[in-house]
PDB file of all heavy atoms in Angstrom:
ATOM      1  N   LEU A   1     -18.002  25.087 -15.595  1.00  0.00           N
ATOM      2  CA  LEU A   1     -17.725  26.508 -15.801  1.00  0.00           C
ATOM      3  C   LEU A   1     -18.639  27.104 -16.865  1.00  0.00           C
ATOM      4  O   LEU A   1     -19.207  28.187 -16.690  1.00  0.00           O
ATOM      5  CB  LEU A   1     -16.253  26.698 -16.173  1.00  0.00           C
ATOM      6  CG  LEU A   1     -15.721  28.137 -16.165  1.00  0.00           C
ATOM      7  CD1 LEU A   1     -15.901  28.755 -14.792  1.00  0.00           C
ATOM      8  CD2 LEU A   1     -14.251  28.161 -16.570  1.00  0.00           C
ATOM      9  N   ASP A   2     -18.808  26.363 -17.983  1.00  0.00           N
ATOM     10  CA  ASP A   2     -19.671  26.860 -19.058  1.00  0.00           C
ATOM     11  C   ASP A   2     -21.135  26.909 -18.629  1.00  0.00           C
ATOM     12  O   ASP A   2     -21.913  27.712 -19.149  1.00  0.00           O
ATOM     13  CB  ASP A   2     -19.526  25.980 -20.304  1.00  0.00           C
ATOM     14  CG  ASP A   2     -18.163  26.135 -20.954  1.00  0.00           C
ATOM     15  OD1 ASP A   2     -17.537  27.190 -20.754  1.00  0.00           O
ATOM     16  OD2 ASP A   2     -17.720  25.190 -21.644  1.00  0.00           O
ATOM     17  N   GLN A   3     -21.516  26.055 -17.687  1.00  0.00           N
ATOM     18  CA  GLN A   3     -22.907  25.991 -17.247  1.00  0.00           C
ATOM     19  C   GLN A   3     -23.164  26.817 -15.985  1.00  0.00           C
ATOM     20  O   GLN A   3     -24.191  26.651 -15.319  1.00  0.00           O
ATOM     21  CB  GLN A   3     -23.306  24.525 -17.017  1.00  0.00           C
ATOM     22  CG  GLN A   3     -23.276  23.696 -18.294  1.00  0.00           C
ATOM     23  CD  GLN A   3     -23.677  22.243 -18.070  1.00  0.00           C
ATOM     24  OE1 GLN A   3     -23.952  21.828 -16.943  1.00  0.00           O
ATOM     25  NE2 GLN A   3     -23.713  21.463 -19.149  1.00  0.00           N
ATOM     26  N   ASN A   4     -22.207  27.694 -15.635  1.00  0.00           N
ATOM     27  CA  ASN A   4     -22.367  28.640 -14.517  1.00  0.00           C
ATOM     28  C   ASN A   4     -22.709  27.946 -13.199  1.00  0.00           C
ATOM     29  O   ASN A   4     -23.579  28.397 -12.439  1.00  0.00           O
ATOM     30  CB  ASN A   4     -23.450  29.688 -14.846  1.00  0.00           C
ATOM     31  CG  ASN A   4     -23.106  30.500 -16.080  1.00  0.00           C
ATOM     32  OD1 ASN A   4     -21.966  30.934 -16.242  1.00  0.00           O
ATOM     33  ND2 ASN A   4     -24.082  30.700 -16.957  1.00  0.00           N
ATOM     34  N   GLN A   5     -22.014  26.842 -12.940  1.00  0.00           N
ATOM     35  CA  GLN A   5     -22.261  26.108 -11.705  1.00  0.00           C
ATOM     36  C   GLN A   5     -21.381  26.598 -10.551  1.00  0.00           C
ATOM     37  O   GLN A   5     -21.526  26.125  -9.423  1.00  0.00           O
ATOM     38  CB  GLN A   5     -22.041  24.609 -11.937  1.00  0.00           C
ATOM     39  CG  GLN A   5     -23.015  23.983 -12.913  1.00  0.00           C
ATOM     40  CD  GLN A   5     -22.702  22.524 -13.206  1.00  0.00           C
ATOM     41  OE1 GLN A   5     -21.902  21.900 -12.517  1.00  0.00           O
ATOM     42  NE2 GLN A   5     -23.337  21.976 -14.249  1.00  0.00           N
ATOM     43  N   PHE A   6     -20.473  27.533 -10.817  1.00  0.00           N
ATOM     44  CA  PHE A   6     -19.579  28.027  -9.771  1.00  0.00           C
ATOM     45  C   PHE A   6     -20.075  29.378  -9.238  1.00  0.00           C
ATOM     46  O   PHE A   6     -20.696  30.173  -9.958  1.00  0.00           O
ATOM     47  CB  PHE A   6     -18.152  28.198 -10.305  1.00  0.00           C
ATOM     48  CG  PHE A   6     -17.465  26.893 -10.613  1.00  0.00           C
ATOM     49  CD1 PHE A   6     -17.253  26.502 -11.924  1.00  0.00           C
ATOM     50  CD2 PHE A   6     -17.039  26.054  -9.591  1.00  0.00           C
ATOM     51  CE1 PHE A   6     -16.622  25.306 -12.214  1.00  0.00           C
ATOM     52  CE2 PHE A   6     -16.411  24.863  -9.868  1.00  0.00           C
ATOM     53  CZ  PHE A   6     -16.202  24.486 -11.174  1.00  0.00           C
ATOM     54  N   SER A   7     -19.762  29.607  -7.972  1.00  0.00           N
ATOM     55  CA  SER A   7     -20.029  30.903  -7.353  1.00  0.00           C
ATOM     56  C   SER A   7     -18.918  31.196  -6.351  1.00  0.00           C
ATOM     57  O   SER A   7     -18.096  30.318  -6.049  1.00  0.00           O
ATOM     58  CB  SER A   7     -21.390  30.903  -6.651  1.00  0.00           C
ATOM     59  OG  SER A   7     -21.352  30.047  -5.509  1.00  0.00           O
ATOM     60  N   LEU A   8     -18.907  32.423  -5.843  1.00  0.00           N
ATOM     61  CA  LEU A   8     -17.894  32.828  -4.867  1.00  0.00           C
ATOM     62  C   LEU A   8     -18.549  33.198  -3.548  1.00  0.00           C
ATOM     63  O   LEU A   8     -19.587  33.881  -3.522  1.00  0.00           O
ATOM     64  CB  LEU A   8     -17.084  34.023  -5.385  1.00  0.00           C
ATOM     65  CG  LEU A   8     -16.224  33.801  -6.636  1.00  0.00           C
ATOM     66  CD1 LEU A   8     -15.466  35.085  -6.969  1.00  0.00           C
ATOM     67  CD2 LEU A   8     -15.258  32.650  -6.447  1.00  0.00           C
ATOM     68  N   ASP A   9     -17.955  32.730  -2.467  1.00  0.00           N
ATOM     69  CA  ASP A   9     -18.277  33.223  -1.133  1.00  0.00           C
ATOM     70  C   ASP A   9     -17.116  34.087  -0.657  1.00  0.00           C
ATOM     71  O   ASP A   9     -15.978  33.939  -1.141  1.00  0.00           O
ATOM     72  CB  ASP A   9     -18.488  32.059  -0.154  1.00  0.00           C
ATOM     73  CG  ASP A   9     -19.888  31.460  -0.262  1.00  0.00           C
ATOM     74  OD1 ASP A   9     -20.694  31.990  -1.063  1.00  0.00           O
ATOM     75  OD2 ASP A   9     -20.158  30.457   0.422  1.00  0.00           O
ATOM     76  N   PHE A  10     -17.402  34.962   0.281  1.00  0.00           N
ATOM     77  CA  PHE A  10     -16.386  35.865   0.802  1.00  0.00           C
ATOM     78  C   PHE A  10     -16.375  35.779   2.328  1.00  0.00           C
ATOM     79  O   PHE A  10     -17.436  35.864   2.968  1.00  0.00           O
ATOM     80  CB  PHE A  10     -16.661  37.310   0.366  1.00  0.00           C
ATOM     81  CG  PHE A  10     -16.641  37.511  -1.124  1.00  0.00           C
ATOM     82  CD1 PHE A  10     -17.789  37.312  -1.884  1.00  0.00           C
ATOM     83  CD2 PHE A  10     -15.481  37.882  -1.779  1.00  0.00           C
ATOM     84  CE1 PHE A  10     -17.778  37.490  -3.257  1.00  0.00           C
ATOM     85  CE2 PHE A  10     -15.464  38.065  -3.153  1.00  0.00           C
ATOM     86  CZ  PHE A  10     -16.608  37.866  -3.890  1.00  0.00           C
ATOM     87  N   GLN A  11     -15.185  35.583   2.895  1.00  0.00           N
ATOM     88  CA  GLN A  11     -15.065  35.604   4.354  1.00  0.00           C
ATOM     89  C   GLN A  11     -14.360  36.888   4.776  1.00  0.00           C
ATOM     90  O   GLN A  11     -13.262  37.188   4.298  1.00  0.00           O
ATOM     91  CB  GLN A  11     -14.295  34.389   4.870  1.00  0.00           C
ATOM     92  CG  GLN A  11     -14.256  34.347   6.393  1.00  0.00           C
ATOM     93  CD  GLN A  11     -13.724  33.042   6.937  1.00  0.00           C
ATOM     94  OE1 GLN A  11     -12.887  32.400   6.295  1.00  0.00           O
ATOM     95  NE2 GLN A  11     -14.207  32.644   8.111  1.00  0.00           N
ATOM     96  N   PRO A  12     -14.969  37.630   5.717  1.00  0.00           N
ATOM     97  CA  PRO A  12     -14.369  38.902   6.134  1.00  0.00           C
ATOM     98  C   PRO A  12     -13.035  38.696   6.843  1.00  0.00           C
ATOM     99  O   PRO A  12     -12.841  37.732   7.586  1.00  0.00           O
ATOM    100  CB  PRO A  12     -15.407  39.476   7.102  1.00  0.00           C
ATOM    101  CG  PRO A  12     -16.680  38.760   6.793  1.00  0.00           C
ATOM    102  CD  PRO A  12     -16.278  37.392   6.338  1.00  0.00           C
ATOM    103  N   ILE A  13     -12.108  39.588   6.599  1.00  0.00           N
ATOM    104  CA  ILE A  13     -10.844  39.678   7.337  1.00  0.00           C
ATOM    105  C   ILE A  13     -10.883  41.004   8.089  1.00  0.00           C
ATOM    106  O   ILE A  13     -11.064  42.074   7.489  1.00  0.00           O
ATOM    107  CB  ILE A  13      -9.632  39.608   6.389  1.00  0.00           C
ATOM    108  CG1 ILE A  13      -9.614  38.259   5.645  1.00  0.00           C
ATOM    109  CG2 ILE A  13      -8.333  39.791   7.170  1.00  0.00           C
ATOM    110  CD1 ILE A  13      -8.509  38.128   4.625  1.00  0.00           C
ATOM    111  N   VAL A  14     -10.741  40.908   9.401  1.00  0.00           N
ATOM    112  CA  VAL A  14     -11.031  42.032  10.291  1.00  0.00           C
ATOM    113  C   VAL A  14      -9.739  42.630  10.838  1.00  0.00           C
ATOM    114  O   VAL A  14      -8.805  41.890  11.188  1.00  0.00           O
ATOM    115  CB  VAL A  14     -11.935  41.551  11.445  1.00  0.00           C
ATOM    116  CG1 VAL A  14     -12.220  42.692  12.428  1.00  0.00           C
ATOM    117  CG2 VAL A  14     -13.233  40.984  10.892  1.00  0.00           C
ATOM    118  N   ASP A  15      -9.709  43.932  10.923  1.00  0.00           N
ATOM    119  CA  ASP A  15      -8.624  44.632  11.620  1.00  0.00           C
ATOM    120  C   ASP A  15      -8.862  44.443  13.116  1.00  0.00           C
ATOM    121  O   ASP A  15      -9.874  44.907  13.666  1.00  0.00           O
ATOM    122  CB  ASP A  15      -8.659  46.119  11.249  1.00  0.00           C
ATOM    123  CG  ASP A  15      -7.485  46.894  11.845  1.00  0.00           C
ATOM    124  OD1 ASP A  15      -6.953  46.486  12.901  1.00  0.00           O
ATOM    125  OD2 ASP A  15      -7.105  47.921  11.246  1.00  0.00           O
ATOM    126  N   LEU A  16      -7.955  43.736  13.801  1.00  0.00           N
ATOM    127  CA  LEU A  16      -8.183  43.400  15.209  1.00  0.00           C
ATOM    128  C   LEU A  16      -8.137  44.622  16.119  1.00  0.00           C
ATOM    129  O   LEU A  16      -8.633  44.558  17.262  1.00  0.00           O
ATOM    130  CB  LEU A  16      -7.143  42.367  15.668  1.00  0.00           C
ATOM    131  CG  LEU A  16      -7.196  40.997  14.988  1.00  0.00           C
ATOM    132  CD1 LEU A  16      -6.227  40.031  15.665  1.00  0.00           C
ATOM    133  CD2 LEU A  16      -8.599  40.427  14.975  1.00  0.00           C
ATOM    134  N   ARG A  17      -7.592  45.725  15.668  1.00  0.00           N
ATOM    135  CA  ARG A  17      -7.554  46.916  16.502  1.00  0.00           C
ATOM    136  C   ARG A  17      -8.854  47.712  16.412  1.00  0.00           C
ATOM    137  O   ARG A  17      -9.361  48.223  17.413  1.00  0.00           O
ATOM    138  CB  ARG A  17      -6.370  47.803  16.108  1.00  0.00           C
ATOM    139  CG  ARG A  17      -5.005  47.214  16.517  1.00  0.00           C
ATOM    140  CD  ARG A  17      -3.860  48.119  16.102  1.00  0.00           C
ATOM    141  NE  ARG A  17      -3.738  48.207  14.644  1.00  0.00           N
ATOM    142  CZ  ARG A  17      -3.045  47.345  13.920  1.00  0.00           C
ATOM    143  NH1 ARG A  17      -2.430  46.325  14.490  1.00  0.00           N
ATOM    144  NH2 ARG A  17      -2.978  47.497  12.620  1.00  0.00           N
ATOM    145  N   SER A  18      -9.401  47.824  15.192  1.00  0.00           N
ATOM    146  CA  SER A  18     -10.620  48.627  15.017  1.00  0.00           C
ATOM    147  C   SER A  18     -11.884  47.789  14.941  1.00  0.00           C
ATOM    148  O   SER A  18     -12.989  48.304  15.139  1.00  0.00           O
ATOM    149  CB  SER A  18     -10.506  49.473  13.745  1.00  0.00           C
ATOM    150  OG  SER A  18     -10.508  48.640  12.594  1.00  0.00           O
ATOM    151  N   GLY A  19     -11.727  46.507  14.610  1.00  0.00           N
ATOM    152  CA  GLY A  19     -12.897  45.649  14.469  1.00  0.00           C
ATOM    153  C   GLY A  19     -13.623  45.821  13.158  1.00  0.00           C
ATOM    154  O   GLY A  19     -14.681  45.227  12.940  1.00  0.00           O
ATOM    155  N   ARG A  20     -13.087  46.567  12.235  1.00  0.00           N
ATOM    156  CA  ARG A  20     -13.745  46.808  10.948  1.00  0.00           C
ATOM    157  C   ARG A  20     -13.274  45.792   9.903  1.00  0.00           C
ATOM    158  O   ARG A  20     -12.136  45.319   9.934  1.00  0.00           O
ATOM    159  CB  ARG A  20     -13.446  48.223  10.450  1.00  0.00           C
ATOM    160  CG  ARG A  20     -13.965  49.328  11.363  1.00  0.00           C
ATOM    161  CD  ARG A  20     -13.819  50.668  10.698  1.00  0.00           C
ATOM    162  NE  ARG A  20     -14.656  50.781   9.507  1.00  0.00           N
ATOM    163  CZ  ARG A  20     -14.548  51.777   8.625  1.00  0.00           C
ATOM    164  NH1 ARG A  20     -13.609  52.709   8.794  1.00  0.00           N
ATOM    165  NH2 ARG A  20     -15.342  51.823   7.584  1.00  0.00           N
ATOM    166  N   VAL A  21     -14.173  45.486   8.977  1.00  0.00           N
ATOM    167  CA  VAL A  21     -13.854  44.580   7.868  1.00  0.00           C
ATOM    168  C   VAL A  21     -13.047  45.356   6.840  1.00  0.00           C
ATOM    169  O   VAL A  21     -13.532  46.360   6.280  1.00  0.00           O
ATOM    170  CB  VAL A  21     -15.137  44.007   7.232  1.00  0.00           C
ATOM    171  CG1 VAL A  21     -14.774  43.147   6.030  1.00  0.00           C
ATOM    172  CG2 VAL A  21     -15.930  43.219   8.247  1.00  0.00           C
ATOM    173  N   VAL A  22     -11.815  44.924   6.596  1.00  0.00           N
ATOM    174  CA  VAL A  22     -10.938  45.643   5.663  1.00  0.00           C
ATOM    175  C   VAL A  22     -10.518  44.790   4.466  1.00  0.00           C
ATOM    176  O   VAL A  22      -9.997  45.316   3.486  1.00  0.00           O
ATOM    177  CB  VAL A  22      -9.676  46.137   6.401  1.00  0.00           C
ATOM    178  CG1 VAL A  22     -10.040  47.214   7.416  1.00  0.00           C
ATOM    179  CG2 VAL A  22      -8.954  44.985   7.088  1.00  0.00           C
ATOM    180  N   LYS A  23     -10.721  43.496   4.569  1.00  0.00           N
ATOM    181  CA  LYS A  23     -10.333  42.587   3.478  1.00  0.00           C
ATOM    182  C   LYS A  23     -11.368  41.474   3.388  1.00  0.00           C
ATOM    183  O   LYS A  23     -12.163  41.273   4.328  1.00  0.00           O
ATOM    184  CB  LYS A  23      -8.947  41.968   3.711  1.00  0.00           C
ATOM    185  CG  LYS A  23      -7.842  42.955   4.037  1.00  0.00           C
ATOM    186  CD  LYS A  23      -6.523  42.225   4.297  1.00  0.00           C
ATOM    187  CE  LYS A  23      -5.511  43.166   4.939  1.00  0.00           C
ATOM    188  NZ  LYS A  23      -5.183  44.312   4.094  1.00  0.00           N
ATOM    189  N   ALA A  24     -11.320  40.747   2.272  1.00  0.00           N
ATOM    190  CA  ALA A  24     -12.199  39.590   2.097  1.00  0.00           C
ATOM    191  C   ALA A  24     -11.428  38.493   1.369  1.00  0.00           C
ATOM    192  O   ALA A  24     -10.794  38.756   0.341  1.00  0.00           O
ATOM    193  CB  ALA A  24     -13.438  39.974   1.304  1.00  0.00           C
ATOM    194  N   GLU A  25     -11.485  37.284   1.926  1.00  0.00           N
ATOM    195  CA  GLU A  25     -10.873  36.139   1.247  1.00  0.00           C
ATOM    196  C   GLU A  25     -11.920  35.476   0.359  1.00  0.00           C
ATOM    197  O   GLU A  25     -13.039  35.185   0.789  1.00  0.00           O
ATOM    198  CB  GLU A  25     -10.326  35.120   2.242  1.00  0.00           C
ATOM    199  CG  GLU A  25      -9.679  33.925   1.540  1.00  0.00           C
ATOM    200  CD  GLU A  25      -9.065  32.905   2.482  1.00  0.00           C
ATOM    201  OE1 GLU A  25      -9.120  33.118   3.715  1.00  0.00           O
ATOM    202  OE2 GLU A  25      -8.534  31.887   1.989  1.00  0.00           O
ATOM    203  N   THR A  26     -11.529  35.216  -0.876  1.00  0.00           N
ATOM    204  CA  THR A  26     -12.434  34.600  -1.851  1.00  0.00           C
ATOM    205  C   THR A  26     -12.400  33.091  -1.701  1.00  0.00           C
ATOM    206  O   THR A  26     -11.335  32.474  -1.656  1.00  0.00           O
ATOM    207  CB  THR A  26     -12.008  34.978  -3.283  1.00  0.00           C
ATOM    208  OG1 THR A  26     -11.943  36.387  -3.388  1.00  0.00           O
ATOM    209  CG2 THR A  26     -12.983  34.435  -4.297  1.00  0.00           C
ATOM    210  N   LEU A  27     -13.589  32.479  -1.654  1.00  0.00           N
ATOM    211  CA  LEU A  27     -13.710  31.024  -1.525  1.00  0.00           C
ATOM    212  C   LEU A  27     -14.614  30.512  -2.636  1.00  0.00           C
ATOM    213  O   LEU A  27     -15.758  30.987  -2.800  1.00  0.00           O
ATOM    214  CB  LEU A  27     -14.284  30.651  -0.153  1.00  0.00           C
ATOM    215  CG  LEU A  27     -13.453  31.141   1.049  1.00  0.00           C
ATOM    216  CD1 LEU A  27     -14.220  30.945   2.338  1.00  0.00           C
ATOM    217  CD2 LEU A  27     -12.116  30.418   1.093  1.00  0.00           C
ATOM    218  N   LEU A  28     -14.115  29.539  -3.416  1.00  0.00           N
ATOM    219  CA  LEU A  28     -14.845  29.018  -4.573  1.00  0.00           C
ATOM    220  C   LEU A  28     -15.838  27.944  -4.145  1.00  0.00           C
ATOM    221  O   LEU A  28     -15.508  27.063  -3.340  1.00  0.00           O
ATOM    222  CB  LEU A  28     -13.842  28.443  -5.592  1.00  0.00           C
ATOM    223  CG  LEU A  28     -14.419  27.883  -6.886  1.00  0.00           C
ATOM    224  CD1 LEU A  28     -15.124  28.968  -7.693  1.00  0.00           C
ATOM    225  CD2 LEU A  28     -13.298  27.253  -7.737  1.00  0.00           C
TER     226      LEU A  28
END
């Protein structure tokens, strides 16, 4: 953590009716 070895990826969460990205799940 002190050496900045971590980062975040984001996976889109989609509204199945509109197909638009409305949320993002954070992945370490």
